Each structure stands twice: as structure tokens, then as C-alpha cells.
Amino acid sequence: MNRLGFLHPFALDAGILALALSVTPLALWAQGALPIQFETLTTPGEFTIYFTDLQYSADQVWFVSGSCESASEAAVISVQDYAYSADLTVFLARYAFEADQVVCVANPGQAPQAFWDAYPQK
């Protein structure tokens, strides 16, 4: 089992990625959101995901709760351009109650365009 609590790369325990760039009094990751970060040149991805705009075709539904730039440990994800090359297909939900997993983003400035294209506008 890796540090995300995965028993299998296709089975996230719970959660999505809700990116609200507002300041919160308590760190989102301390409130139970799974911290993730997008891969960079110095931090390669631990697993790969593909963002889909079709909820029924997703392996997981995530809700992005906000930014968690102070998280000490975050799962590093690599975003793929095609579903067949990804470990997990993810749909980004508009509301937390729709999600399998609540996530927060440790490095929102590194989010690829595929994330922003899939991110639901409030």
C-alpha cells in the first residue's frame, strides 16, 4: 500500500481535487482532503491520470476543495493526454457530495491545461 492509501492504482479511497484559492483558517489537508501535486521536472509522477468530461466514463469522481500549498506530503500525479495511457480516469465534480474523493492541490501554479479544461466553473 502506498502513501495515498491505495491498494490498487485504480482504487482511490475517497476524494477529489477542489481548487479554491482562498485562504482558509485550517489547512484543507488537515481537514481530510487528500493532498496532490502535479508533477514537475524535479518531482516525477507516482501515478498517471486522465481528466474526462464524462462522469459516467470515469474511474473516480474528485472534488477539488482548494489549495493546500503547506501540505508536507502530497501524492504526485502526472496528467496524460489520453485515457488509455493513464492509471486512472478522473471526472472533476462541481460539488463535494458528488465525489468519491476530496482532494486539495499543493502546487496549483503547476496545474496543466488539461486540469483547467476539466475543472468545473462555479
N, C-alpha and C. Protein backbone atom coordinates (compact mmCIF):
# COMPACT_ATOMS: atom_id res chain seq x y z
N MET A 1 0.86 -1.17 0.00
CA MET A 1 0.00 0.00 0.00
C MET A 1 0.90 1.23 0.00
N ASN A 2 0.65 2.19 -0.90
CA ASN A 2 1.48 3.38 -0.95
C ASN A 2 0.94 4.45 -0.02
N ARG A 3 1.56 5.60 0.00
CA ARG A 3 1.18 6.63 0.98
C ARG A 3 -0.16 7.28 0.70
N LEU A 4 -0.77 7.00 -0.45
CA LEU A 4 -2.10 7.51 -0.73
C LEU A 4 -3.17 6.63 -0.12
N GLY A 5 -2.78 5.47 0.38
CA GLY A 5 -3.75 4.55 0.90
C GLY A 5 -4.33 3.68 -0.20
N PHE A 6 -3.65 3.62 -1.34
CA PHE A 6 -4.12 2.81 -2.46
C PHE A 6 -3.79 1.36 -2.21
N LEU A 7 -4.73 0.52 -2.47
CA LEU A 7 -4.47 -0.91 -2.52
C LEU A 7 -4.18 -1.30 -3.96
N HIS A 8 -4.65 -0.49 -4.88
CA HIS A 8 -4.51 -0.73 -6.30
C HIS A 8 -4.52 0.63 -6.98
N PRO A 9 -3.75 0.84 -8.04
CA PRO A 9 -3.69 2.17 -8.64
C PRO A 9 -5.02 2.67 -9.16
N PHE A 10 -5.99 1.80 -9.41
CA PHE A 10 -7.28 2.23 -9.91
C PHE A 10 -8.29 2.47 -8.80
N ALA A 11 -7.89 2.31 -7.54
CA ALA A 11 -8.86 2.43 -6.45
C ALA A 11 -8.42 3.46 -5.42
N LEU A 12 -8.78 4.69 -5.62
CA LEU A 12 -8.53 5.72 -4.61
C LEU A 12 -9.54 5.53 -3.50
N ASP A 13 -9.12 5.74 -2.27
CA ASP A 13 -10.02 5.53 -1.14
C ASP A 13 -11.20 6.48 -1.16
N ALA A 14 -10.98 7.72 -1.34
CA ALA A 14 -12.08 8.69 -1.40
C ALA A 14 -11.51 10.01 -1.84
N GLY A 15 -12.18 10.75 -2.71
CA GLY A 15 -11.80 12.12 -2.85
C GLY A 15 -11.55 12.72 -4.20
N ILE A 16 -11.59 13.99 -4.19
CA ILE A 16 -11.24 14.78 -5.36
C ILE A 16 -10.49 16.03 -5.02
N LEU A 17 -10.31 16.76 -5.99
CA LEU A 17 -9.45 17.90 -6.02
C LEU A 17 -10.27 19.16 -6.14
N ALA A 18 -10.44 19.90 -5.08
CA ALA A 18 -11.22 21.13 -5.18
C ALA A 18 -10.30 22.30 -5.02
N LEU A 19 -10.17 23.07 -6.02
CA LEU A 19 -9.18 24.14 -6.03
C LEU A 19 -9.85 25.47 -5.79
N ALA A 20 -9.89 25.88 -4.53
CA ALA A 20 -10.38 27.21 -4.19
C ALA A 20 -9.16 27.96 -3.69
N LEU A 21 -8.83 29.01 -4.32
CA LEU A 21 -7.58 29.69 -3.99
C LEU A 21 -7.72 30.68 -2.84
N SER A 22 -8.81 30.57 -2.11
CA SER A 22 -8.99 31.45 -0.96
C SER A 22 -8.25 30.91 0.25
N VAL A 23 -7.97 31.78 1.19
CA VAL A 23 -7.27 31.39 2.41
C VAL A 23 -8.29 30.78 3.37
N THR A 24 -7.91 29.65 3.95
CA THR A 24 -8.79 29.01 4.93
C THR A 24 -8.09 28.98 6.27
N PRO A 25 -8.84 29.05 7.38
CA PRO A 25 -8.22 29.11 8.69
C PRO A 25 -7.49 27.83 9.07
N LEU A 26 -7.93 26.69 8.60
CA LEU A 26 -7.29 25.42 8.89
C LEU A 26 -6.90 24.79 7.57
N ALA A 27 -5.72 24.22 7.49
CA ALA A 27 -5.27 23.62 6.25
C ALA A 27 -6.26 22.57 5.76
N LEU A 28 -6.56 22.62 4.46
CA LEU A 28 -7.53 21.68 3.89
C LEU A 28 -7.08 20.24 4.07
N TRP A 29 -5.78 19.99 3.93
CA TRP A 29 -5.31 18.62 4.06
C TRP A 29 -5.47 18.13 5.49
N ALA A 30 -5.48 19.05 6.44
CA ALA A 30 -5.69 18.68 7.84
C ALA A 30 -7.17 18.37 8.09
N GLN A 31 -8.05 18.81 7.20
CA GLN A 31 -9.47 18.55 7.33
C GLN A 31 -9.90 17.29 6.59
N GLY A 32 -8.98 16.55 6.04
CA GLY A 32 -9.30 15.29 5.39
C GLY A 32 -9.20 15.27 3.89
N ALA A 33 -8.87 16.38 3.24
CA ALA A 33 -8.69 16.38 1.80
C ALA A 33 -7.35 15.72 1.48
N LEU A 34 -7.34 14.90 0.46
CA LEU A 34 -6.11 14.23 0.03
C LEU A 34 -5.24 15.23 -0.73
N PRO A 35 -4.04 15.53 -0.24
CA PRO A 35 -3.19 16.48 -0.96
C PRO A 35 -2.55 15.84 -2.18
N ILE A 36 -2.66 16.50 -3.30
CA ILE A 36 -1.99 16.04 -4.52
C ILE A 36 -1.16 17.19 -5.06
N GLN A 37 -0.19 16.84 -5.88
CA GLN A 37 0.56 17.87 -6.58
C GLN A 37 0.84 17.38 -7.98
N PHE A 38 0.88 18.31 -8.91
CA PHE A 38 1.16 17.96 -10.29
C PHE A 38 2.67 17.79 -10.44
N GLU A 39 3.05 16.86 -11.30
CA GLU A 39 4.47 16.58 -11.47
C GLU A 39 5.20 17.81 -12.00
N THR A 40 6.46 17.89 -11.65
CA THR A 40 7.34 18.95 -12.15
C THR A 40 8.59 18.27 -12.68
N LEU A 41 9.52 19.04 -13.17
CA LEU A 41 10.76 18.45 -13.66
C LEU A 41 11.54 17.74 -12.56
N THR A 42 11.39 18.21 -11.32
CA THR A 42 12.14 17.61 -10.20
C THR A 42 11.35 16.58 -9.42
N THR A 43 10.03 16.51 -9.62
CA THR A 43 9.20 15.53 -8.92
C THR A 43 8.36 14.74 -9.92
N PRO A 44 8.84 13.57 -10.33
CA PRO A 44 8.08 12.77 -11.30
C PRO A 44 6.80 12.22 -10.68
N GLY A 45 5.81 11.97 -11.50
CA GLY A 45 4.52 11.48 -11.03
C GLY A 45 4.58 10.06 -10.49
N GLU A 46 3.83 9.81 -9.41
CA GLU A 46 3.73 8.47 -8.82
C GLU A 46 2.69 7.64 -9.56
N PHE A 47 1.69 8.30 -10.12
CA PHE A 47 0.70 7.63 -10.94
C PHE A 47 0.16 8.62 -11.96
N THR A 48 -0.48 8.09 -13.00
CA THR A 48 -0.95 8.94 -14.08
C THR A 48 -2.48 8.99 -14.10
N ILE A 49 -3.00 10.17 -14.43
CA ILE A 49 -4.45 10.32 -14.53
C ILE A 49 -4.81 11.00 -15.84
N TYR A 50 -6.03 10.79 -16.23
CA TYR A 50 -6.61 11.45 -17.39
C TYR A 50 -7.89 12.11 -16.92
N PHE A 51 -8.07 13.40 -17.20
CA PHE A 51 -9.28 14.10 -16.83
C PHE A 51 -10.30 13.96 -17.95
N THR A 52 -11.48 13.48 -17.61
CA THR A 52 -12.55 13.32 -18.59
C THR A 52 -13.68 14.29 -18.29
N ASP A 53 -14.43 14.63 -19.32
CA ASP A 53 -15.59 15.49 -19.11
C ASP A 53 -16.88 14.67 -19.06
N LEU A 54 -16.74 13.34 -19.04
CA LEU A 54 -17.89 12.43 -18.98
C LEU A 54 -17.87 11.67 -17.66
N GLN A 55 -18.74 12.05 -16.76
CA GLN A 55 -18.74 11.45 -15.42
C GLN A 55 -18.93 9.94 -15.46
N TYR A 56 -19.81 9.44 -16.31
CA TYR A 56 -20.08 8.01 -16.35
C TYR A 56 -18.91 7.17 -16.85
N SER A 57 -17.96 7.80 -17.53
CA SER A 57 -16.81 7.05 -18.03
C SER A 57 -15.60 7.13 -17.10
N ALA A 58 -15.73 7.80 -15.97
CA ALA A 58 -14.61 8.00 -15.05
C ALA A 58 -14.47 6.83 -14.07
N ASP A 59 -13.23 6.53 -13.72
CA ASP A 59 -12.96 5.55 -12.66
C ASP A 59 -13.26 6.15 -11.30
N GLN A 60 -12.98 7.44 -11.15
CA GLN A 60 -13.20 8.16 -9.90
C GLN A 60 -13.76 9.54 -10.18
N VAL A 61 -14.56 10.05 -9.24
CA VAL A 61 -15.05 11.42 -9.29
C VAL A 61 -14.38 12.15 -8.14
N TRP A 62 -13.71 13.24 -8.47
CA TRP A 62 -12.99 14.03 -7.49
C TRP A 62 -13.64 15.39 -7.35
N PHE A 63 -13.54 15.93 -6.13
CA PHE A 63 -13.92 17.32 -5.86
C PHE A 63 -12.68 18.03 -5.36
N VAL A 64 -12.33 19.14 -5.96
CA VAL A 64 -11.16 19.92 -5.55
C VAL A 64 -11.61 20.93 -4.51
N SER A 65 -11.12 20.75 -3.27
CA SER A 65 -11.56 21.60 -2.17
C SER A 65 -10.77 22.90 -2.07
N GLY A 66 -9.60 22.95 -2.68
CA GLY A 66 -8.82 24.17 -2.64
C GLY A 66 -7.33 23.92 -2.76
N SER A 67 -6.59 24.90 -2.41
CA SER A 67 -5.14 24.84 -2.43
C SER A 67 -4.64 24.41 -1.06
N CYS A 68 -3.63 23.56 -1.04
CA CYS A 68 -3.02 23.13 0.24
C CYS A 68 -1.50 23.18 0.08
N GLU A 69 -1.02 24.36 -0.22
CA GLU A 69 0.39 24.55 -0.50
C GLU A 69 1.30 24.24 0.69
N SER A 70 0.74 24.19 1.89
CA SER A 70 1.56 23.90 3.07
C SER A 70 1.58 22.42 3.43
N ALA A 71 0.94 21.58 2.63
CA ALA A 71 0.94 20.13 2.90
C ALA A 71 2.35 19.59 2.80
N SER A 72 2.75 18.82 3.80
CA SER A 72 4.11 18.28 3.82
C SER A 72 4.27 17.06 2.92
N GLU A 73 3.25 16.26 2.77
CA GLU A 73 3.28 15.07 1.92
C GLU A 73 2.13 15.16 0.94
N ALA A 74 2.42 15.02 -0.34
CA ALA A 74 1.38 15.06 -1.36
C ALA A 74 1.66 13.98 -2.40
N ALA A 75 0.60 13.39 -2.90
CA ALA A 75 0.73 12.41 -3.97
C ALA A 75 1.04 13.16 -5.26
N VAL A 76 2.06 12.74 -5.96
CA VAL A 76 2.46 13.41 -7.19
C VAL A 76 1.78 12.71 -8.37
N ILE A 77 1.01 13.49 -9.14
CA ILE A 77 0.30 12.92 -10.27
C ILE A 77 0.83 13.48 -11.58
N SER A 78 0.79 12.64 -12.57
CA SER A 78 1.14 13.03 -13.93
C SER A 78 -0.13 12.99 -14.75
N VAL A 79 -0.42 14.04 -15.48
CA VAL A 79 -1.64 14.13 -16.28
C VAL A 79 -1.33 13.68 -17.70
N GLN A 80 -2.14 12.75 -18.20
CA GLN A 80 -1.97 12.21 -19.55
C GLN A 80 -2.96 12.84 -20.51
N ASP A 81 -2.62 12.83 -21.78
CA ASP A 81 -3.50 13.39 -22.81
C ASP A 81 -4.55 12.39 -23.27
N TYR A 82 -4.33 11.10 -23.02
CA TYR A 82 -5.25 10.07 -23.48
C TYR A 82 -5.57 9.10 -22.35
N ALA A 83 -6.81 8.65 -22.30
CA ALA A 83 -7.27 7.77 -21.22
C ALA A 83 -6.54 6.43 -21.24
N TYR A 84 -6.24 5.89 -22.40
CA TYR A 84 -5.61 4.57 -22.46
C TYR A 84 -4.22 4.53 -21.85
N SER A 85 -3.56 5.68 -21.74
CA SER A 85 -2.21 5.71 -21.19
C SER A 85 -2.18 6.10 -19.71
N ALA A 86 -3.36 6.21 -19.08
CA ALA A 86 -3.44 6.64 -17.68
C ALA A 86 -3.81 5.48 -16.75
N ASP A 87 -3.36 5.58 -15.50
CA ASP A 87 -3.73 4.61 -14.48
C ASP A 87 -5.18 4.80 -14.04
N LEU A 88 -5.65 6.04 -14.09
CA LEU A 88 -6.95 6.39 -13.55
C LEU A 88 -7.59 7.49 -14.40
N THR A 89 -8.89 7.33 -14.69
CA THR A 89 -9.64 8.37 -15.38
C THR A 89 -10.48 9.09 -14.33
N VAL A 90 -10.37 10.43 -14.30
CA VAL A 90 -10.98 11.23 -13.25
C VAL A 90 -11.93 12.28 -13.84
N PHE A 91 -13.10 12.40 -13.22
CA PHE A 91 -14.05 13.46 -13.54
C PHE A 91 -14.04 14.42 -12.36
N LEU A 92 -13.95 15.72 -12.62
CA LEU A 92 -13.97 16.72 -11.56
C LEU A 92 -15.39 17.20 -11.33
N ALA A 93 -15.89 16.97 -10.12
CA ALA A 93 -17.27 17.31 -9.77
C ALA A 93 -17.39 18.76 -9.33
N ARG A 94 -18.57 19.29 -9.49
CA ARG A 94 -18.87 20.65 -9.07
C ARG A 94 -19.10 20.75 -7.56
N TYR A 95 -19.61 19.65 -6.95
CA TYR A 95 -19.95 19.64 -5.53
C TYR A 95 -19.32 18.44 -4.83
N ALA A 96 -18.96 18.62 -3.56
CA ALA A 96 -18.30 17.56 -2.79
C ALA A 96 -19.17 16.33 -2.63
N PHE A 97 -20.49 16.50 -2.49
CA PHE A 97 -21.34 15.34 -2.27
C PHE A 97 -21.39 14.41 -3.49
N GLU A 98 -20.96 14.90 -4.65
CA GLU A 98 -20.94 14.08 -5.86
C GLU A 98 -19.66 13.24 -5.98
N ALA A 99 -18.69 13.52 -5.13
CA ALA A 99 -17.34 12.98 -5.31
C ALA A 99 -17.08 11.69 -4.53
N ASP A 100 -16.20 10.89 -5.11
CA ASP A 100 -15.65 9.73 -4.42
C ASP A 100 -14.51 10.15 -3.50
N GLN A 101 -13.78 11.20 -3.92
CA GLN A 101 -12.59 11.65 -3.21
C GLN A 101 -12.54 13.17 -3.18
N VAL A 102 -12.21 13.74 -2.03
CA VAL A 102 -11.97 15.17 -1.91
C VAL A 102 -10.46 15.37 -1.90
N VAL A 103 -9.98 16.25 -2.77
CA VAL A 103 -8.54 16.50 -2.86
C VAL A 103 -8.27 17.99 -2.76
N CYS A 104 -7.04 18.30 -2.46
CA CYS A 104 -6.56 19.68 -2.50
C CYS A 104 -5.26 19.68 -3.29
N VAL A 105 -4.90 20.81 -3.85
CA VAL A 105 -3.74 20.90 -4.73
C VAL A 105 -2.59 21.62 -4.02
N ALA A 106 -1.45 20.94 -3.92
CA ALA A 106 -0.28 21.51 -3.26
C ALA A 106 0.47 22.50 -4.14
N ASN A 107 0.34 22.36 -5.45
CA ASN A 107 1.04 23.28 -6.36
C ASN A 107 0.12 23.74 -7.49
N PRO A 108 -0.90 24.54 -7.17
CA PRO A 108 -1.86 24.95 -8.20
C PRO A 108 -1.24 25.72 -9.36
N GLY A 109 -0.13 26.35 -9.14
CA GLY A 109 0.54 27.07 -10.22
C GLY A 109 1.12 26.15 -11.28
N GLN A 110 1.28 24.87 -10.96
CA GLN A 110 1.82 23.89 -11.90
C GLN A 110 0.73 23.07 -12.59
N ALA A 111 -0.53 23.38 -12.30
CA ALA A 111 -1.63 22.62 -12.89
C ALA A 111 -1.60 22.73 -14.41
N PRO A 112 -1.66 21.60 -15.11
CA PRO A 112 -1.64 21.65 -16.57
C PRO A 112 -2.98 22.12 -17.14
N GLN A 113 -2.98 22.49 -18.39
CA GLN A 113 -4.19 22.98 -19.04
C GLN A 113 -5.30 21.93 -19.01
N ALA A 114 -4.96 20.65 -19.08
CA ALA A 114 -5.97 19.58 -19.04
C ALA A 114 -6.78 19.64 -17.74
N PHE A 115 -6.14 20.02 -16.64
CA PHE A 115 -6.85 20.17 -15.38
C PHE A 115 -7.85 21.32 -15.47
N TRP A 116 -7.39 22.45 -15.96
CA TRP A 116 -8.25 23.63 -16.03
C TRP A 116 -9.39 23.42 -17.01
N ASP A 117 -9.15 22.67 -18.07
CA ASP A 117 -10.22 22.36 -19.03
C ASP A 117 -11.29 21.50 -18.38
N ALA A 118 -10.90 20.61 -17.46
CA ALA A 118 -11.85 19.71 -16.80
C ALA A 118 -12.45 20.32 -15.55
N TYR A 119 -11.83 21.35 -15.01
CA TYR A 119 -12.27 21.95 -13.75
C TYR A 119 -13.62 22.63 -13.93
N PRO A 120 -14.62 22.25 -13.11
CA PRO A 120 -15.95 22.85 -13.28
C PRO A 120 -15.96 24.31 -12.83
N GLN A 121 -16.52 25.15 -13.61
CA GLN A 121 -16.62 26.56 -13.26
C GLN A 121 -17.77 26.76 -12.30
N LYS A 122 -17.54 27.46 -11.23
CA LYS A 122 -18.56 27.70 -10.20
C LYS A 122 -19.50 28.78 -10.66
